[in-house]
Amino acid sequence: MEWISALDRLPKDSDCVMGAITGRYPGDPEGDADSRVGEEYWLVLPTYFHSRHVDERTGTLFHDCFVDSDRVVRLPYGGPTPEQVTHWAELPVLPGTAERQILGDGVRAALRAALPHAR
């Protein structure tokens, strides 16, 4: 897997990629000494990259952003969002194929080829 700095290059519009995301757990750190509240993190999540995206909750228009399955919007590192993407990487290809996504009629054939003993 090759990690690409989000400051150097961005994915193509609508690409699903892994994002290395940094931020700080929200909340008041004094509420629970055992919690991660207030602690910094850097983790990997699947995201979609969009050159233009409107946040459904606020109506805010974002350019060049990463959006996860919970519709959280993150900008490349240095941007004004609380969580930011430092790096991104293409997803691996599906087993036994050269594809990252198969839709419709080709799914069953690809699964049979990758799982010859499954029904």
PDB file of N, CA and C in Angstrom:
ATOM      1  N   MET A   1       0.846  -1.167   0.000  1.00  0.00           N
ATOM      2  CA  MET A   1       0.000   0.000   0.000  1.00  0.00           C
ATOM      3  C   MET A   1       0.894   1.233   0.000  1.00  0.00           C
ATOM      4  N   GLU A   2       0.568   2.177  -0.846  1.00  0.00           N
ATOM      5  CA  GLU A   2       1.338   3.419  -0.923  1.00  0.00           C
ATOM      6  C   GLU A   2       0.514   4.566  -0.341  1.00  0.00           C
ATOM      7  N   TRP A   3       1.035   5.228   0.680  1.00  0.00           N
ATOM      8  CA  TRP A   3       0.382   6.388   1.272  1.00  0.00           C
ATOM      9  C   TRP A   3       0.834   7.633   0.535  1.00  0.00           C
ATOM     10  N   ILE A   4      -0.133   8.475   0.188  1.00  0.00           N
ATOM     11  CA  ILE A   4       0.143   9.713  -0.537  1.00  0.00           C
ATOM     12  C   ILE A   4      -0.248  10.882   0.368  1.00  0.00           C
ATOM     13  N   SER A   5       0.627  11.850   0.525  1.00  0.00           N
ATOM     14  CA  SER A   5       0.329  13.014   1.352  1.00  0.00           C
ATOM     15  C   SER A   5      -0.828  13.793   0.732  1.00  0.00           C
ATOM     16  N   ALA A   6      -1.816  14.123   1.559  1.00  0.00           N
ATOM     17  CA  ALA A   6      -2.955  14.916   1.085  1.00  0.00           C
ATOM     18  C   ALA A   6      -2.522  16.344   0.748  1.00  0.00           C
ATOM     19  N   LEU A   7      -1.330  16.728   1.153  1.00  0.00           N
ATOM     20  CA  LEU A   7      -0.802  18.045   0.806  1.00  0.00           C
ATOM     21  C   LEU A   7      -0.133  18.034  -0.565  1.00  0.00           C
ATOM     22  N   ASP A   8       0.260  16.834  -1.040  1.00  0.00           N
ATOM     23  CA  ASP A   8       0.952  16.721  -2.319  1.00  0.00           C
ATOM     24  C   ASP A   8       0.012  16.434  -3.484  1.00  0.00           C
ATOM     25  N   ARG A   9      -0.979  15.580  -3.240  1.00  0.00           N
ATOM     26  CA  ARG A   9      -1.875  15.157  -4.331  1.00  0.00           C
ATOM     27  C   ARG A   9      -3.174  14.650  -3.728  1.00  0.00           C
ATOM     28  N   LEU A  10      -4.265  14.828  -4.442  1.00  0.00           N
ATOM     29  CA  LEU A  10      -5.567  14.356  -3.980  1.00  0.00           C
ATOM     30  C   LEU A  10      -6.090  13.269  -4.913  1.00  0.00           C
ATOM     31  N   PRO A  11      -6.981  12.421  -4.415  1.00  0.00           N
ATOM     32  CA  PRO A  11      -7.569  11.377  -5.268  1.00  0.00           C
ATOM     33  C   PRO A  11      -8.460  11.985  -6.350  1.00  0.00           C
ATOM     34  N   LYS A  12      -8.945  11.124  -7.226  1.00  0.00           N
ATOM     35  CA  LYS A  12      -9.920  11.563  -8.230  1.00  0.00           C
ATOM     36  C   LYS A  12     -11.289  11.694  -7.572  1.00  0.00           C
ATOM     37  N   ASP A  13     -12.107  12.561  -8.120  1.00  0.00           N
ATOM     38  CA  ASP A  13     -13.447  12.778  -7.596  1.00  0.00           C
ATOM     39  C   ASP A  13     -14.212  11.466  -7.503  1.00  0.00           C
ATOM     40  N   SER A  14     -14.863  11.235  -6.383  1.00  0.00           N
ATOM     41  CA  SER A  14     -15.690  10.055  -6.078  1.00  0.00           C
ATOM     42  C   SER A  14     -14.903   8.787  -5.784  1.00  0.00           C
ATOM     43  N   ASP A  15     -13.576   8.848  -5.734  1.00  0.00           N
ATOM     44  CA  ASP A  15     -12.780   7.672  -5.382  1.00  0.00           C
ATOM     45  C   ASP A  15     -13.009   7.288  -3.921  1.00  0.00           C
ATOM     46  N   CYS A  16     -13.144   5.998  -3.670  1.00  0.00           N
ATOM     47  CA  CYS A  16     -13.169   5.477  -2.308  1.00  0.00           C
ATOM     48  C   CYS A  16     -11.723   5.160  -1.951  1.00  0.00           C
ATOM     49  N   VAL A  17     -11.241   5.762  -0.875  1.00  0.00           N
ATOM     50  CA  VAL A  17      -9.844   5.596  -0.461  1.00  0.00           C
ATOM     51  C   VAL A  17      -9.772   5.405   1.048  1.00  0.00           C
ATOM     52  N   MET A  18      -8.643   4.933   1.510  1.00  0.00           N
ATOM     53  CA  MET A  18      -8.372   4.909   2.940  1.00  0.00           C
ATOM     54  C   MET A  18      -7.774   6.269   3.292  1.00  0.00           C
ATOM     55  N   GLY A  19      -8.264   6.856   4.370  1.00  0.00           N
ATOM     56  CA  GLY A  19      -7.745   8.142   4.807  1.00  0.00           C
ATOM     57  C   GLY A  19      -7.064   8.006   6.155  1.00  0.00           C
ATOM     58  N   ALA A  20      -5.868   8.584   6.293  1.00  0.00           N
ATOM     59  CA  ALA A  20      -5.193   8.670   7.586  1.00  0.00           C
ATOM     60  C   ALA A  20      -5.675   9.975   8.209  1.00  0.00           C
ATOM     61  N   ILE A  21      -6.453   9.861   9.279  1.00  0.00           N
ATOM     62  CA  ILE A  21      -7.178  10.993   9.841  1.00  0.00           C
ATOM     63  C   ILE A  21      -6.634  11.338  11.218  1.00  0.00           C
ATOM     64  N   THR A  22      -6.420  12.628  11.436  1.00  0.00           N
ATOM     65  CA  THR A  22      -5.966  13.082  12.745  1.00  0.00           C
ATOM     66  C   THR A  22      -6.965  14.077  13.323  1.00  0.00           C
ATOM     67  N   GLY A  23      -7.030  14.077  14.640  1.00  0.00           N
ATOM     68  CA  GLY A  23      -7.939  14.975  15.342  1.00  0.00           C
ATOM     69  C   GLY A  23      -7.787  14.788  16.835  1.00  0.00           C
ATOM     70  N   ARG A  24      -8.794  15.210  17.560  1.00  0.00           N
ATOM     71  CA  ARG A  24      -8.786  15.099  19.009  1.00  0.00           C
ATOM     72  C   ARG A  24     -10.180  14.640  19.431  1.00  0.00           C
ATOM     73  N   TYR A  25     -10.244  13.641  20.324  1.00  0.00           N
ATOM     74  CA  TYR A  25     -11.534  13.174  20.806  1.00  0.00           C
ATOM     75  C   TYR A  25     -12.276  14.326  21.465  1.00  0.00           C
ATOM     76  N   PRO A  26     -13.528  14.564  21.097  1.00  0.00           N
ATOM     77  CA  PRO A  26     -14.272  15.708  21.626  1.00  0.00           C
ATOM     78  C   PRO A  26     -14.715  15.506  23.067  1.00  0.00           C
ATOM     79  N   GLY A  27     -15.060  16.611  23.700  1.00  0.00           N
ATOM     80  CA  GLY A  27     -15.601  16.565  25.052  1.00  0.00           C
ATOM     81  C   GLY A  27     -14.669  17.167  26.075  1.00  0.00           C
ATOM     82  N   ASP A  28     -15.079  17.072  27.324  1.00  0.00           N
ATOM     83  CA  ASP A  28     -14.329  17.624  28.454  1.00  0.00           C
ATOM     84  C   ASP A  28     -13.456  16.538  29.072  1.00  0.00           C
ATOM     85  N   PRO A  29     -12.123  16.682  29.016  1.00  0.00           N
ATOM     86  CA  PRO A  29     -11.227  15.638  29.529  1.00  0.00           C
ATOM     87  C   PRO A  29     -11.334  15.415  31.030  1.00  0.00           C
ATOM     88  N   GLU A  30     -11.931  16.336  31.755  1.00  0.00           N
ATOM     89  CA  GLU A  30     -12.010  16.184  33.210  1.00  0.00           C
ATOM     90  C   GLU A  30     -13.211  15.366  33.651  1.00  0.00           C
ATOM     91  N   GLY A  31     -14.104  15.013  32.736  1.00  0.00           N
ATOM     92  CA  GLY A  31     -15.307  14.256  33.078  1.00  0.00           C
ATOM     93  C   GLY A  31     -15.045  12.816  33.474  1.00  0.00           C
ATOM     94  N   ASP A  32     -14.092  12.150  32.826  1.00  0.00           N
ATOM     95  CA  ASP A  32     -13.803  10.738  33.091  1.00  0.00           C
ATOM     96  C   ASP A  32     -12.315  10.505  32.847  1.00  0.00           C
ATOM     97  N   ALA A  33     -11.584  10.227  33.890  1.00  0.00           N
ATOM     98  CA  ALA A  33     -10.123  10.070  33.802  1.00  0.00           C
ATOM     99  C   ALA A  33      -9.714   8.904  32.904  1.00  0.00           C
ATOM    100  N   ASP A  34     -10.577   7.892  32.745  1.00  0.00           N
ATOM    101  CA  ASP A  34     -10.240   6.724  31.933  1.00  0.00           C
ATOM    102  C   ASP A  34     -10.658   6.869  30.467  1.00  0.00           C
ATOM    103  N   SER A  35     -11.349   7.940  30.132  1.00  0.00           N
ATOM    104  CA  SER A  35     -11.809   8.089  28.757  1.00  0.00           C
ATOM    105  C   SER A  35     -10.707   8.658  27.872  1.00  0.00           C
ATOM    106  N   ARG A  36     -10.933   8.673  26.601  1.00  0.00           N
ATOM    107  CA  ARG A  36      -9.984   9.220  25.638  1.00  0.00           C
ATOM    108  C   ARG A  36     -10.321  10.677  25.294  1.00  0.00           C
ATOM    109  N   VAL A  37     -11.312  11.248  25.953  1.00  0.00           N
ATOM    110  CA  VAL A  37     -11.750  12.610  25.682  1.00  0.00           C
ATOM    111  C   VAL A  37     -10.557  13.561  25.738  1.00  0.00           C
ATOM    112  N   GLY A  38     -10.428  14.403  24.735  1.00  0.00           N
ATOM    113  CA  GLY A  38      -9.343  15.370  24.666  1.00  0.00           C
ATOM    114  C   GLY A  38      -8.040  14.825  24.112  1.00  0.00           C
ATOM    115  N   GLU A  39      -7.948  13.509  23.967  1.00  0.00           N
ATOM    116  CA  GLU A  39      -6.710  12.886  23.479  1.00  0.00           C
ATOM    117  C   GLU A  39      -6.623  13.005  21.956  1.00  0.00           C
ATOM    118  N   GLU A  40      -5.415  13.233  21.457  1.00  0.00           N
ATOM    119  CA  GLU A  40      -5.195  13.273  20.009  1.00  0.00           C
ATOM    120  C   GLU A  40      -5.197  11.855  19.450  1.00  0.00           C
ATOM    121  N   TYR A  41      -5.563  11.738  18.180  1.00  0.00           N
ATOM    122  CA  TYR A  41      -5.501  10.434  17.510  1.00  0.00           C
ATOM    123  C   TYR A  41      -5.074  10.616  16.060  1.00  0.00           C
ATOM    124  N   TRP A  42      -4.625   9.521  15.491  1.00  0.00           N
ATOM    125  CA  TRP A  42      -4.310   9.415  14.067  1.00  0.00           C
ATOM    126  C   TRP A  42      -4.702   8.005  13.706  1.00  0.00           C
ATOM    127  N   LEU A  43      -5.701   7.843  12.864  1.00  0.00           N
ATOM    128  CA  LEU A  43      -6.224   6.516  12.547  1.00  0.00           C
ATOM    129  C   LEU A  43      -6.603   6.421  11.080  1.00  0.00           C
ATOM    130  N   VAL A  44      -6.928   5.219  10.636  1.00  0.00           N
ATOM    131  CA  VAL A  44      -7.264   4.959   9.240  1.00  0.00           C
ATOM    132  C   VAL A  44      -8.744   4.620   9.120  1.00  0.00           C
ATOM    133  N   LEU A  45      -9.427   5.281   8.174  1.00  0.00           N
ATOM    134  CA  LEU A  45     -10.838   5.030   7.906  1.00  0.00           C
ATOM    135  C   LEU A  45     -11.091   5.039   6.396  1.00  0.00           C
ATOM    136  N   PRO A  46     -12.068   4.249   5.928  1.00  0.00           N
ATOM    137  CA  PRO A  46     -12.460   4.364   4.524  1.00  0.00           C
ATOM    138  C   PRO A  46     -13.257   5.651   4.312  1.00  0.00           C
ATOM    139  N   THR A  47     -12.959   6.355   3.230  1.00  0.00           N
ATOM    140  CA  THR A  47     -13.649   7.605   2.909  1.00  0.00           C
ATOM    141  C   THR A  47     -13.864   7.699   1.404  1.00  0.00           C
ATOM    142  N   TYR A  48     -14.755   8.583   1.013  1.00  0.00           N
ATOM    143  CA  TYR A  48     -14.912   8.953  -0.391  1.00  0.00           C
ATOM    144  C   TYR A  48     -14.370  10.365  -0.547  1.00  0.00           C
ATOM    145  N   PHE A  49     -13.649  10.590  -1.631  1.00  0.00           N
ATOM    146  CA  PHE A  49     -13.142  11.924  -1.915  1.00  0.00           C
ATOM    147  C   PHE A  49     -14.113  12.626  -2.858  1.00  0.00           C
ATOM    148  N   HIS A  50     -14.399  13.883  -2.560  1.00  0.00           N
ATOM    149  CA  HIS A  50     -15.290  14.674  -3.411  1.00  0.00           C
ATOM    150  C   HIS A  50     -14.639  16.023  -3.701  1.00  0.00           C
ATOM    151  N   SER A  51     -14.605  16.396  -4.972  1.00  0.00           N
ATOM    152  CA  SER A  51     -14.080  17.719  -5.316  1.00  0.00           C
ATOM    153  C   SER A  51     -15.074  18.800  -4.920  1.00  0.00           C
ATOM    154  N   ARG A  52     -16.350  18.410  -4.805  1.00  0.00           N
ATOM    155  CA  ARG A  52     -17.406  19.336  -4.385  1.00  0.00           C
ATOM    156  C   ARG A  52     -18.435  18.529  -3.607  1.00  0.00           C
ATOM    157  N   HIS A  53     -18.749  18.956  -2.378  1.00  0.00           N
ATOM    158  CA  HIS A  53     -19.688  18.220  -1.532  1.00  0.00           C
ATOM    159  C   HIS A  53     -20.476  19.197  -0.664  1.00  0.00           C
ATOM    160  N   VAL A  54     -21.807  19.011  -0.626  1.00  0.00           N
ATOM    161  CA  VAL A  54     -22.655  19.831   0.234  1.00  0.00           C
ATOM    162  C   VAL A  54     -23.032  18.997   1.459  1.00  0.00           C
ATOM    163  N   ASP A  55     -22.700  19.501   2.651  1.00  0.00           N
ATOM    164  CA  ASP A  55     -23.050  18.835   3.903  1.00  0.00           C
ATOM    165  C   ASP A  55     -24.564  18.878   4.062  1.00  0.00           C
ATOM    166  N   GLU A  56     -25.189  17.699   4.167  1.00  0.00           N
ATOM    167  CA  GLU A  56     -26.648  17.611   4.252  1.00  0.00           C
ATOM    168  C   GLU A  56     -27.209  18.285   5.496  1.00  0.00           C
ATOM    169  N   ARG A  57     -26.448  18.265   6.588  1.00  0.00           N
ATOM    170  CA  ARG A  57     -26.944  18.829   7.852  1.00  0.00           C
ATOM    171  C   ARG A  57     -26.870  20.352   7.889  1.00  0.00           C
ATOM    172  N   THR A  58     -25.795  20.921   7.339  1.00  0.00           N
ATOM    173  CA  THR A  58     -25.589  22.360   7.466  1.00  0.00           C
ATOM    174  C   THR A  58     -25.772  23.130   6.163  1.00  0.00           C
ATOM    175  N   GLY A  59     -25.736  22.426   5.036  1.00  0.00           N
ATOM    176  CA  GLY A  59     -25.814  23.089   3.738  1.00  0.00           C
ATOM    177  C   GLY A  59     -24.495  23.695   3.296  1.00  0.00           C
ATOM    178  N   THR A  60     -23.438  23.482   4.086  1.00  0.00           N
ATOM    179  CA  THR A  60     -22.121  24.036   3.763  1.00  0.00           C
ATOM    180  C   THR A  60     -21.531  23.338   2.540  1.00  0.00           C
ATOM    181  N   LEU A  61     -20.993  24.120   1.616  1.00  0.00           N
ATOM    182  CA  LEU A  61     -20.328  23.582   0.431  1.00  0.00           C
ATOM    183  C   LEU A  61     -18.840  23.424   0.739  1.00  0.00           C
ATOM    184  N   PHE A  62     -18.337  22.204   0.551  1.00  0.00           N
ATOM    185  CA  PHE A  62     -16.917  21.915   0.739  1.00  0.00           C
ATOM    186  C   PHE A  62     -16.295  21.579  -0.604  1.00  0.00           C
ATOM    187  N   HIS A  63     -15.055  21.953  -0.780  1.00  0.00           N
ATOM    188  CA  HIS A  63     -14.280  21.586  -1.966  1.00  0.00           C
ATOM    189  C   HIS A  63     -13.116  20.697  -1.525  1.00  0.00           C
ATOM    190  N   ASP A  64     -12.800  19.697  -2.326  1.00  0.00           N
ATOM    191  CA  ASP A  64     -11.668  18.801  -2.076  1.00  0.00           C
ATOM    192  C   ASP A  64     -11.697  18.249  -0.654  1.00  0.00           C
ATOM    193  N   CYS A  65     -12.720  17.436  -0.374  1.00  0.00           N
ATOM    194  CA  CYS A  65     -12.896  16.902   0.973  1.00  0.00           C
ATOM    195  C   CYS A  65     -13.066  15.384   0.948  1.00  0.00           C
ATOM    196  N   PHE A  66     -12.875  14.783   2.100  1.00  0.00           N
ATOM    197  CA  PHE A  66     -13.032  13.355   2.314  1.00  0.00           C
ATOM    198  C   PHE A  66     -14.266  13.171   3.193  1.00  0.00           C
ATOM    199  N   VAL A  67     -15.169  12.253   2.811  1.00  0.00           N
ATOM    200  CA  VAL A  67     -16.418  12.040   3.540  1.00  0.00           C
ATOM    201  C   VAL A  67     -16.526  10.561   3.886  1.00  0.00           C
ATOM    202  N   ASP A  68     -16.786  10.242   5.167  1.00  0.00           N
ATOM    203  CA  ASP A  68     -16.893   8.834   5.558  1.00  0.00           C
ATOM    204  C   ASP A  68     -18.341   8.364   5.498  1.00  0.00           C
ATOM    205  N   SER A  69     -18.575   7.110   5.884  1.00  0.00           N
ATOM    206  CA  SER A  69     -19.912   6.519   5.788  1.00  0.00           C
ATOM    207  C   SER A  69     -20.915   7.172   6.733  1.00  0.00           C
ATOM    208  N   ASP A  70     -20.426   7.862   7.769  1.00  0.00           N
ATOM    209  CA  ASP A  70     -21.306   8.600   8.677  1.00  0.00           C
ATOM    210  C   ASP A  70     -21.513  10.037   8.206  1.00  0.00           C
ATOM    211  N   ARG A  71     -21.031  10.340   7.013  1.00  0.00           N
ATOM    212  CA  ARG A  71     -21.130  11.659   6.386  1.00  0.00           C
ATOM    213  C   ARG A  71     -20.328  12.751   7.103  1.00  0.00           C
ATOM    214  N   VAL A  72     -19.297  12.329   7.849  1.00  0.00           N
ATOM    215  CA  VAL A  72     -18.400  13.294   8.471  1.00  0.00           C
ATOM    216  C   VAL A  72     -17.462  13.817   7.380  1.00  0.00           C
ATOM    217  N   VAL A  73     -17.357  15.145   7.288  1.00  0.00           N
ATOM    218  CA  VAL A  73     -16.527  15.789   6.276  1.00  0.00           C
ATOM    219  C   VAL A  73     -15.182  16.148   6.895  1.00  0.00           C
ATOM    220  N   ARG A  74     -14.113  15.776   6.189  1.00  0.00           N
ATOM    221  CA  ARG A  74     -12.760  16.103   6.631  1.00  0.00           C
ATOM    222  C   ARG A  74     -12.001  16.706   5.461  1.00  0.00           C
ATOM    223  N   LEU A  75     -11.292  17.777   5.746  1.00  0.00           N
ATOM    224  CA  LEU A  75     -10.463  18.414   4.723  1.00  0.00           C
ATOM    225  C   LEU A  75      -9.023  17.929   4.850  1.00  0.00           C
ATOM    226  N   PRO A  76      -8.215  18.145   3.799  1.00  0.00           N
ATOM    227  CA  PRO A  76      -6.802  17.801   3.914  1.00  0.00           C
ATOM    228  C   PRO A  76      -6.154  18.546   5.079  1.00  0.00           C
ATOM    229  N   TYR A  77      -5.079  17.991   5.595  1.00  0.00           N
ATOM    230  CA  TYR A  77      -4.368  18.511   6.766  1.00  0.00           C
ATOM    231  C   TYR A  77      -4.134  20.015   6.639  1.00  0.00           C
ATOM    232  N   GLY A  78      -4.430  20.733   7.726  1.00  0.00           N
ATOM    233  CA  GLY A  78      -4.281  22.185   7.737  1.00  0.00           C
ATOM    234  C   GLY A  78      -5.588  22.912   7.491  1.00  0.00           C
ATOM    235  N   GLY A  79      -6.631  22.166   7.085  1.00  0.00           N
ATOM    236  CA  GLY A  79      -7.929  22.782   6.833  1.00  0.00           C
ATOM    237  C   GLY A  79      -8.682  23.072   8.122  1.00  0.00           C
ATOM    238  N   PRO A  80      -9.832  23.745   8.026  1.00  0.00           N
ATOM    239  CA  PRO A  80     -10.554  24.173   9.220  1.00  0.00           C
ATOM    240  C   PRO A  80     -11.461  23.124   9.873  1.00  0.00           C
ATOM    241  N   THR A  81     -11.562  21.901   9.333  1.00  0.00           N
ATOM    242  CA  THR A  81     -12.398  20.890   9.968  1.00  0.00           C
ATOM    243  C   THR A  81     -11.689  20.336  11.199  1.00  0.00           C
ATOM    244  N   PRO A  82     -12.444  19.928  12.244  1.00  0.00           N
ATOM    245  CA  PRO A  82     -11.820  19.420  13.478  1.00  0.00           C
ATOM    246  C   PRO A  82     -10.948  18.178  13.250  1.00  0.00           C
ATOM    247  N   GLU A  83     -11.338  17.355  12.289  1.00  0.00           N
ATOM    248  CA  GLU A  83     -10.549  16.179  11.914  1.00  0.00           C
ATOM    249  C   GLU A  83     -10.050  16.414  10.496  1.00  0.00           C
ATOM    250  N   GLN A  84      -8.799  16.019  10.233  1.00  0.00           N
ATOM    251  CA  GLN A  84      -8.194  16.292   8.933  1.00  0.00           C
ATOM    252  C   GLN A  84      -7.491  15.051   8.394  1.00  0.00           C
ATOM    253  N   VAL A  85      -7.380  14.980   7.086  1.00  0.00           N
ATOM    254  CA  VAL A  85      -6.731  13.853   6.420  1.00  0.00           C
ATOM    255  C   VAL A  85      -5.284  14.224   6.102  1.00  0.00           C
ATOM    256  N   THR A  86      -4.351  13.457   6.662  1.00  0.00           N
ATOM    257  CA  THR A  86      -2.932  13.713   6.412  1.00  0.00           C
ATOM    258  C   THR A  86      -2.451  13.000   5.148  1.00  0.00           C
ATOM    259  N   HIS A  87      -2.947  11.774   4.956  1.00  0.00           N
ATOM    260  CA  HIS A  87      -2.534  10.938   3.824  1.00  0.00           C
ATOM    261  C   HIS A  87      -3.730  10.135   3.338  1.00  0.00           C
ATOM    262  N   TRP A  88      -3.637   9.617   2.138  1.00  0.00           N
ATOM    263  CA  TRP A  88      -4.668   8.727   1.618  1.00  0.00           C
ATOM    264  C   TRP A  88      -3.990   7.624   0.801  1.00  0.00           C
ATOM    265  N   ALA A  89      -4.715   6.509   0.636  1.00  0.00           N
ATOM    266  CA  ALA A  89      -4.196   5.384  -0.141  1.00  0.00           C
ATOM    267  C   ALA A  89      -5.352   4.723  -0.882  1.00  0.00           C
ATOM    268  N   GLU A  90      -5.059   4.240  -2.068  1.00  0.00           N
ATOM    269  CA  GLU A  90      -6.077   3.496  -2.815  1.00  0.00           C
ATOM    270  C   GLU A  90      -6.383   2.203  -2.082  1.00  0.00           C
ATOM    271  N   LEU A  91      -7.613   1.759  -2.201  1.00  0.00           N
ATOM    272  CA  LEU A  91      -7.993   0.472  -1.627  1.00  0.00           C
ATOM    273  C   LEU A  91      -7.336  -0.648  -2.416  1.00  0.00           C
ATOM    274  N   PRO A  92      -7.090  -1.792  -1.783  1.00  0.00           N
ATOM    275  CA  PRO A  92      -6.544  -2.924  -2.536  1.00  0.00           C
ATOM    276  C   PRO A  92      -7.595  -3.446  -3.511  1.00  0.00           C
ATOM    277  N   VAL A  93      -7.148  -4.207  -4.490  1.00  0.00           N
ATOM    278  CA  VAL A  93      -8.089  -4.814  -5.434  1.00  0.00           C
ATOM    279  C   VAL A  93      -8.785  -5.990  -4.771  1.00  0.00           C
ATOM    280  N   LEU A  94      -9.931  -6.339  -5.291  1.00  0.00           N
ATOM    281  CA  LEU A  94     -10.684  -7.480  -4.776  1.00  0.00           C
ATOM    282  C   LEU A  94      -9.936  -8.784  -5.074  1.00  0.00           C
ATOM    283  N   PRO A  95     -10.070  -9.782  -4.213  1.00  0.00           N
ATOM    284  CA  PRO A  95      -9.352 -11.050  -4.409  1.00  0.00           C
ATOM    285  C   PRO A  95      -9.591 -11.646  -5.795  1.00  0.00           C
ATOM    286  N   GLY A  96      -8.517 -12.034  -6.448  1.00  0.00           N
ATOM    287  CA  GLY A  96      -8.587 -12.694  -7.740  1.00  0.00           C
ATOM    288  C   GLY A  96      -8.964 -11.784  -8.891  1.00  0.00           C
ATOM    289  N   THR A  97      -8.948 -10.465  -8.678  1.00  0.00           N
ATOM    290  CA  THR A  97      -9.320  -9.534  -9.744  1.00  0.00           C
ATOM    291  C   THR A  97      -8.311  -8.394  -9.805  1.00  0.00           C
ATOM    292  N   ALA A  98      -8.500  -7.537 -10.774  1.00  0.00           N
ATOM    293  CA  ALA A  98      -7.732  -6.299 -10.873  1.00  0.00           C
ATOM    294  C   ALA A  98      -8.653  -5.109 -10.585  1.00  0.00           C
ATOM    295  N   GLU A  99      -9.800  -5.384  -9.969  1.00  0.00           N
ATOM    296  CA  GLU A  99     -10.831  -4.368  -9.734  1.00  0.00           C
ATOM    297  C   GLU A  99     -10.948  -4.013  -8.253  1.00  0.00           C
ATOM    298  N   ARG A 100     -11.319  -2.780  -7.977  1.00  0.00           N
ATOM    299  CA  ARG A 100     -11.590  -2.332  -6.610  1.00  0.00           C
ATOM    300  C   ARG A 100     -13.084  -2.349  -6.310  1.00  0.00           C
ATOM    301  N   GLN A 101     -13.876  -2.464  -7.351  1.00  0.00           N
ATOM    302  CA  GLN A 101     -15.328  -2.472  -7.185  1.00  0.00           C
ATOM    303  C   GLN A 101     -15.949  -3.227  -8.351  1.00  0.00           C
ATOM    304  N   ILE A 102     -16.872  -4.104  -8.039  1.00  0.00           N
ATOM    305  CA  ILE A 102     -17.629  -4.816  -9.068  1.00  0.00           C
ATOM    306  C   ILE A 102     -19.099  -4.659  -8.706  1.00  0.00           C
ATOM    307  N   LEU A 103     -19.893  -4.275  -9.668  1.00  0.00           N
ATOM    308  CA  LEU A 103     -21.320  -4.060  -9.438  1.00  0.00           C
ATOM    309  C   LEU A 103     -22.146  -4.912 -10.390  1.00  0.00           C
ATOM    310  N   GLY A 104     -23.337  -5.291  -9.941  1.00  0.00           N
ATOM    311  CA  GLY A 104     -24.301  -5.938 -10.824  1.00  0.00           C
ATOM    312  C   GLY A 104     -23.959  -7.360 -11.218  1.00  0.00           C
ATOM    313  N   ASP A 105     -24.116  -7.644 -12.496  1.00  0.00           N
ATOM    314  CA  ASP A 105     -24.007  -9.007 -13.014  1.00  0.00           C
ATOM    315  C   ASP A 105     -22.631  -9.641 -12.813  1.00  0.00           C
ATOM    316  N   GLY A 106     -21.580  -8.870 -12.735  1.00  0.00           N
ATOM    317  CA  GLY A 106     -20.247  -9.432 -12.600  1.00  0.00           C
ATOM    318  C   GLY A 106     -19.897  -9.922 -11.199  1.00  0.00           C
ATOM    319  N   VAL A 107     -20.708  -9.584 -10.194  1.00  0.00           N
ATOM    320  CA  VAL A 107     -20.392  -9.936  -8.811  1.00  0.00           C
ATOM    321  C   VAL A 107     -20.381 -11.450  -8.607  1.00  0.00           C
ATOM    322  N   ARG A 108     -21.417 -12.144  -9.011  1.00  0.00           N
ATOM    323  CA  ARG A 108     -21.509 -13.605  -8.776  1.00  0.00           C
ATOM    324  C   ARG A 108     -20.335 -14.343  -9.404  1.00  0.00           C
ATOM    325  N   ALA A 109     -19.985 -13.999 -10.642  1.00  0.00           N
ATOM    326  CA  ALA A 109     -18.868 -14.664 -11.323  1.00  0.00           C
ATOM    327  C   ALA A 109     -17.547 -14.397 -10.597  1.00  0.00           C
ATOM    328  N   ALA A 110     -17.341 -13.170 -10.151  1.00  0.00           N
ATOM    329  CA  ALA A 110     -16.108 -12.831  -9.433  1.00  0.00           C
ATOM    330  C   ALA A 110     -16.037 -13.574  -8.104  1.00  0.00           C
ATOM    331  N   LEU A 111     -17.168 -13.679  -7.402  1.00  0.00           N
ATOM    332  CA  LEU A 111     -17.184 -14.420  -6.137  1.00  0.00           C
ATOM    333  C   LEU A 111     -16.909 -15.903  -6.364  1.00  0.00           C
ATOM    334  N   ARG A 112     -17.503 -16.481  -7.411  1.00  0.00           N
ATOM    335  CA  ARG A 112     -17.260 -17.901  -7.701  1.00  0.00           C
ATOM    336  C   ARG A 112     -15.785 -18.148  -8.011  1.00  0.00           C
ATOM    337  N   ALA A 113     -15.160 -17.225  -8.736  1.00  0.00           N
ATOM    338  CA  ALA A 113     -13.739 -17.382  -9.074  1.00  0.00           C
ATOM    339  C   ALA A 113     -12.857 -17.236  -7.827  1.00  0.00           C
ATOM    340  N   ALA A 114     -13.229 -16.351  -6.919  1.00  0.00           N
ATOM    341  CA  ALA A 114     -12.413 -16.098  -5.725  1.00  0.00           C
ATOM    342  C   ALA A 114     -12.688 -17.108  -4.617  1.00  0.00           C
ATOM    343  N   LEU A 115     -13.895 -17.681  -4.630  1.00  0.00           N
ATOM    344  CA  LEU A 115     -14.293 -18.651  -3.594  1.00  0.00           C
ATOM    345  C   LEU A 115     -14.782 -19.930  -4.276  1.00  0.00           C
ATOM    346  N   PRO A 116     -13.883 -20.686  -4.875  1.00  0.00           N
ATOM    347  CA  PRO A 116     -14.304 -21.848  -5.667  1.00  0.00           C
ATOM    348  C   PRO A 116     -15.055 -22.918  -4.867  1.00  0.00           C
ATOM    349  N   HIS A 117     -14.894 -22.963  -3.555  1.00  0.00           N
ATOM    350  CA  HIS A 117     -15.555 -24.002  -2.757  1.00  0.00           C
ATOM    351  C   HIS A 117     -16.847 -23.512  -2.134  1.00  0.00           C
ATOM    352  N   ALA A 118     -17.152 -22.230  -2.288  1.00  0.00           N
ATOM    353  CA  ALA A 118     -18.400 -21.681  -1.725  1.00  0.00           C
ATOM    354  C   ALA A 118     -19.546 -21.907  -2.704  1.00  0.00           C
ATOM    355  N   ARG A 119     -20.721 -21.896  -2.214  1.00  0.00           N
ATOM    356  CA  ARG A 119     -21.901 -22.065  -3.073  1.00  0.00           C
ATOM    357  C   ARG A 119     -22.371 -20.770  -3.621  1.00  0.00           C
TER     358      ARG A 119
END
